[in-house]
Amino acid sequence: MSNFTFTMIKPNAVAKGYSGAIMNQIIMGGFRIVAMKMVLLSKAEAEEFYAVHKERPFYGELVSFMSSGPIFAAILEKENAIADYRTLIGNTNPESAEDGTIRKMFAESVQANAVHGSDSDENAAIEADFFFSRIQRFTKDGEIF
């Protein structure tokens, strides 16, 4: 499954009108969009999506932030997708991110870091399944992810 990853353009980046520029960076990075939609997460949906962080001190703020406005959710396809996408987006902290990365260009802070990127094949599958049914995915070779 390493040819697929999941991303979200976060509420701060959507609100500032960066979605098109971010998607352009993704496409120019060689990624193909398998599925994409704009969604406003309810508090309950954000809690469910981020349940893995429930015991962490930032969980409540994260849930509030991610349900504060619309996001774009997308499944991306490319050989070595997870590693390549994490390189494209840069460090979680935009101050430490390399020049030219999405987070360096569009993020405000560690929390409002413009985009999410899956960190493993397993999490990419879980995150993609949260937002997309099988019939909403259009892979290059008709492969189901």
C-alpha atoms as a PDB file:
ATOM      1  CA  MET A   1       0.000   0.000   0.000  1.00  0.00           C
ATOM      2  CA  SER A   2       2.978   2.363  -0.004  1.00  0.00           C
ATOM      3  CA  ASN A   3       1.694   3.855  -3.256  1.00  0.00           C
ATOM      4  CA  PHE A   4      -1.103   5.648  -1.394  1.00  0.00           C
ATOM      5  CA  THR A   5      -1.308   8.220   1.353  1.00  0.00           C
ATOM      6  CA  PHE A   6      -3.987  10.354   2.971  1.00  0.00           C
ATOM      7  CA  THR A   7      -3.944  14.107   3.495  1.00  0.00           C
ATOM      8  CA  MET A   8      -6.137  16.878   4.819  1.00  0.00           C
ATOM      9  CA  ILE A   9      -5.855  20.566   4.129  1.00  0.00           C
ATOM     10  CA  LYS A  10      -6.638  21.966   7.569  1.00  0.00           C
ATOM     11  CA  PRO A  11      -9.193  24.672   8.460  1.00  0.00           C
ATOM     12  CA  ASN A  12      -6.647  27.488   8.751  1.00  0.00           C
ATOM     13  CA  ALA A  13      -5.269  26.885   5.263  1.00  0.00           C
ATOM     14  CA  VAL A  14      -8.758  26.551   3.758  1.00  0.00           C
ATOM     15  CA  ALA A  15      -9.911  29.775   5.468  1.00  0.00           C
ATOM     16  CA  LYS A  16      -6.904  31.681   4.124  1.00  0.00           C
ATOM     17  CA  GLY A  17      -7.574  30.502   0.575  1.00  0.00           C
ATOM     18  CA  TYR A  18      -4.470  28.319   0.293  1.00  0.00           C
ATOM     19  CA  SER A  19      -6.251  25.133  -0.838  1.00  0.00           C
ATOM     20  CA  GLY A  20      -5.628  25.627  -4.556  1.00  0.00           C
ATOM     21  CA  ALA A  21      -1.962  26.527  -4.073  1.00  0.00           C
ATOM     22  CA  ILE A  22      -1.470  23.514  -1.776  1.00  0.00           C
ATOM     23  CA  MET A  23      -3.162  21.170  -4.250  1.00  0.00           C
ATOM     24  CA  ASN A  24      -0.948  22.586  -6.985  1.00  0.00           C
ATOM     25  CA  GLN A  25       2.151  21.774  -4.899  1.00  0.00           C
ATOM     26  CA  ILE A  26       0.820  18.242  -4.403  1.00  0.00           C
ATOM     27  CA  ILE A  27       0.165  17.722  -8.113  1.00  0.00           C
ATOM     28  CA  MET A  28       3.500  19.291  -9.107  1.00  0.00           C
ATOM     29  CA  GLY A  29       5.102  16.876  -6.616  1.00  0.00           C
ATOM     30  CA  GLY A  30       3.931  14.020  -8.823  1.00  0.00           C
ATOM     31  CA  PHE A  31       0.915  12.909  -6.805  1.00  0.00           C
ATOM     32  CA  ARG A  32      -2.350  11.816  -8.407  1.00  0.00           C
ATOM     33  CA  ILE A  33      -5.641  12.519  -6.614  1.00  0.00           C
ATOM     34  CA  VAL A  34      -7.533   9.284  -6.011  1.00  0.00           C
ATOM     35  CA  ALA A  35     -10.369  10.868  -4.012  1.00  0.00           C
ATOM     36  CA  MET A  36     -11.061  14.340  -2.653  1.00  0.00           C
ATOM     37  CA  LYS A  37     -13.842  16.200  -0.888  1.00  0.00           C
ATOM     38  CA  MET A  38     -14.518  19.254   1.226  1.00  0.00           C
ATOM     39  CA  VAL A  39     -15.976  18.439   4.642  1.00  0.00           C
ATOM     40  CA  LEU A  40     -16.896  20.259   7.830  1.00  0.00           C
ATOM     41  CA  LEU A  41     -16.110  17.839  10.649  1.00  0.00           C
ATOM     42  CA  SER A  42     -18.474  17.848  13.605  1.00  0.00           C
ATOM     43  CA  LYS A  43     -16.882  17.821  17.037  1.00  0.00           C
ATOM     44  CA  ALA A  44     -17.845  14.145  17.391  1.00  0.00           C
ATOM     45  CA  GLU A  45     -16.256  13.270  14.016  1.00  0.00           C
ATOM     46  CA  ALA A  46     -13.049  15.113  14.920  1.00  0.00           C
ATOM     47  CA  GLU A  47     -12.985  13.282  18.278  1.00  0.00           C
ATOM     48  CA  GLU A  48     -13.354   9.956  16.479  1.00  0.00           C
ATOM     49  CA  PHE A  49     -10.709  10.727  13.858  1.00  0.00           C
ATOM     50  CA  TYR A  50      -8.191  11.877  16.482  1.00  0.00           C
ATOM     51  CA  ALA A  51      -9.101   9.256  19.124  1.00  0.00           C
ATOM     52  CA  VAL A  52      -5.522   7.966  18.989  1.00  0.00           C
ATOM     53  CA  HIS A  53      -4.496  11.238  20.694  1.00  0.00           C
ATOM     54  CA  LYS A  54      -7.269  11.211  23.330  1.00  0.00           C
ATOM     55  CA  GLU A  55      -4.899  10.974  26.297  1.00  0.00           C
ATOM     56  CA  ARG A  56      -2.597  13.719  25.064  1.00  0.00           C
ATOM     57  CA  PRO A  57      -2.846  17.226  26.529  1.00  0.00           C
ATOM     58  CA  PHE A  58      -3.478  18.852  23.123  1.00  0.00           C
ATOM     59  CA  TYR A  59      -6.443  16.596  22.213  1.00  0.00           C
ATOM     60  CA  GLY A  60      -9.222  19.049  23.124  1.00  0.00           C
ATOM     61  CA  GLU A  61      -7.599  21.934  21.279  1.00  0.00           C
ATOM     62  CA  LEU A  62      -6.948  19.707  18.272  1.00  0.00           C
ATOM     63  CA  VAL A  63     -10.586  18.586  18.126  1.00  0.00           C
ATOM     64  CA  SER A  64     -11.816  22.176  18.429  1.00  0.00           C
ATOM     65  CA  PHE A  65      -9.416  23.371  15.738  1.00  0.00           C
ATOM     66  CA  MET A  66     -10.213  20.581  13.280  1.00  0.00           C
ATOM     67  CA  SER A  67     -13.966  21.154  13.662  1.00  0.00           C
ATOM     68  CA  SER A  68     -13.658  24.958  13.407  1.00  0.00           C
ATOM     69  CA  GLY A  69     -14.056  25.144   9.633  1.00  0.00           C
ATOM     70  CA  PRO A  70     -14.070  23.096   6.450  1.00  0.00           C
ATOM     71  CA  ILE A  71     -11.179  20.874   5.433  1.00  0.00           C
ATOM     72  CA  PHE A  72     -10.238  19.111   2.220  1.00  0.00           C
ATOM     73  CA  ALA A  73      -9.657  15.382   2.634  1.00  0.00           C
ATOM     74  CA  ALA A  74      -7.831  13.503  -0.103  1.00  0.00           C
ATOM     75  CA  ILE A  75      -6.240  10.183  -0.983  1.00  0.00           C
ATOM     76  CA  LEU A  76      -3.073  10.570  -3.029  1.00  0.00           C
ATOM     77  CA  GLU A  77      -1.319   8.053  -5.269  1.00  0.00           C
ATOM     78  CA  LYS A  78       2.375   7.937  -6.153  1.00  0.00           C
ATOM     79  CA  GLU A  79       5.156   5.413  -5.853  1.00  0.00           C
ATOM     80  CA  ASN A  80       6.593   5.720  -2.310  1.00  0.00           C
ATOM     81  CA  ALA A  81       3.672   8.012  -1.482  1.00  0.00           C
ATOM     82  CA  ILE A  82       3.964   8.258   2.297  1.00  0.00           C
ATOM     83  CA  ALA A  83       7.667   9.096   2.457  1.00  0.00           C
ATOM     84  CA  ASP A  84       7.516  11.419  -0.550  1.00  0.00           C
ATOM     85  CA  TYR A  85       4.481  13.260   0.798  1.00  0.00           C
ATOM     86  CA  ARG A  86       6.013  13.733   4.223  1.00  0.00           C
ATOM     87  CA  THR A  87       9.068  15.229   2.510  1.00  0.00           C
ATOM     88  CA  LEU A  88       6.839  17.524   0.429  1.00  0.00           C
ATOM     89  CA  ILE A  89       4.913  18.827   3.457  1.00  0.00           C
ATOM     90  CA  GLY A  90       7.927  19.269   5.733  1.00  0.00           C
ATOM     91  CA  ASN A  91       8.366  19.329   9.492  1.00  0.00           C
ATOM     92  CA  THR A  92       5.299  19.600  11.729  1.00  0.00           C
ATOM     93  CA  ASN A  93       6.764  22.813  13.124  1.00  0.00           C
ATOM     94  CA  PRO A  94       6.781  25.286  10.228  1.00  0.00           C
ATOM     95  CA  GLU A  95       9.719  27.160  11.770  1.00  0.00           C
ATOM     96  CA  SER A  96      11.806  23.979  11.397  1.00  0.00           C
ATOM     97  CA  ALA A  97      10.429  23.033   7.984  1.00  0.00           C
ATOM     98  CA  GLU A  98      12.692  23.277   4.974  1.00  0.00           C
ATOM     99  CA  ASP A  99      12.198  26.064   2.440  1.00  0.00           C
ATOM    100  CA  GLY A 100       9.826  25.086  -0.338  1.00  0.00           C
ATOM    101  CA  THR A 101       7.789  22.651   1.763  1.00  0.00           C
ATOM    102  CA  ILE A 102       4.043  23.109   2.116  1.00  0.00           C
ATOM    103  CA  ARG A 103       4.234  23.743   5.851  1.00  0.00           C
ATOM    104  CA  LYS A 104       7.028  26.303   5.457  1.00  0.00           C
ATOM    105  CA  MET A 105       4.926  28.191   2.906  1.00  0.00           C
ATOM    106  CA  PHE A 106       1.421  27.893   4.381  1.00  0.00           C
ATOM    107  CA  ALA A 107       1.484  26.865   8.070  1.00  0.00           C
ATOM    108  CA  GLU A 108       1.024  29.171  11.041  1.00  0.00           C
ATOM    109  CA  SER A 109       2.107  26.961  13.940  1.00  0.00           C
ATOM    110  CA  VAL A 110       2.615  23.351  15.012  1.00  0.00           C
ATOM    111  CA  GLN A 111      -1.153  22.894  15.414  1.00  0.00           C
ATOM    112  CA  ALA A 112      -2.234  25.095  12.499  1.00  0.00           C
ATOM    113  CA  ASN A 113       0.325  23.453  10.221  1.00  0.00           C
ATOM    114  CA  ALA A 114      -1.802  23.656   7.059  1.00  0.00           C
ATOM    115  CA  VAL A 115      -1.859  19.938   6.171  1.00  0.00           C
ATOM    116  CA  HIS A 116      -1.975  16.454   7.608  1.00  0.00           C
ATOM    117  CA  GLY A 117      -0.040  13.565   6.103  1.00  0.00           C
ATOM    118  CA  SER A 118      -0.285   9.899   7.051  1.00  0.00           C
ATOM    119  CA  ASP A 119       2.746   8.471   8.820  1.00  0.00           C
ATOM    120  CA  SER A 120       2.326   4.803   7.830  1.00  0.00           C
ATOM    121  CA  ASP A 121       0.519   2.507   5.399  1.00  0.00           C
ATOM    122  CA  GLU A 122      -1.726   1.329   8.222  1.00  0.00           C
ATOM    123  CA  ASN A 123      -2.739   4.854   9.233  1.00  0.00           C
ATOM    124  CA  ALA A 124      -3.207   5.913   5.604  1.00  0.00           C
ATOM    125  CA  ALA A 125      -5.725   3.082   5.155  1.00  0.00           C
ATOM    126  CA  ILE A 126      -7.552   3.900   8.419  1.00  0.00           C
ATOM    127  CA  GLU A 127      -7.679   7.618   7.629  1.00  0.00           C
ATOM    128  CA  ALA A 128      -8.797   7.081   4.018  1.00  0.00           C
ATOM    129  CA  ASP A 129     -11.541   4.699   5.170  1.00  0.00           C
ATOM    130  CA  PHE A 130     -12.786   7.320   7.628  1.00  0.00           C
ATOM    131  CA  PHE A 131     -13.586   9.745   4.796  1.00  0.00           C
ATOM    132  CA  PHE A 132     -14.091   7.681   1.625  1.00  0.00           C
ATOM    133  CA  SER A 133     -16.055   4.605   0.593  1.00  0.00           C
ATOM    134  CA  ARG A 134     -14.540   2.231  -1.958  1.00  0.00           C
ATOM    135  CA  ILE A 135     -16.717   3.587  -4.802  1.00  0.00           C
ATOM    136  CA  GLN A 136     -15.405   7.117  -4.205  1.00  0.00           C
ATOM    137  CA  ARG A 137     -11.821   6.163  -5.098  1.00  0.00           C
ATOM    138  CA  PHE A 138     -10.462   6.433  -8.621  1.00  0.00           C
ATOM    139  CA  THR A 139      -6.996   4.940  -8.901  1.00  0.00           C
ATOM    140  CA  LYS A 140      -4.910   5.019 -12.059  1.00  0.00           C
ATOM    141  CA  ASP A 141      -5.041   1.258 -12.560  1.00  0.00           C
ATOM    142  CA  GLY A 142      -8.441   0.600 -11.024  1.00  0.00           C
ATOM    143  CA  GLU A 143      -6.732  -0.765  -7.910  1.00  0.00           C
ATOM    144  CA  ILE A 144      -8.783  -0.466  -4.722  1.00  0.00           C
ATOM    145  CA  PHE A 145      -7.116   1.293  -1.833  1.00  0.00           C
END
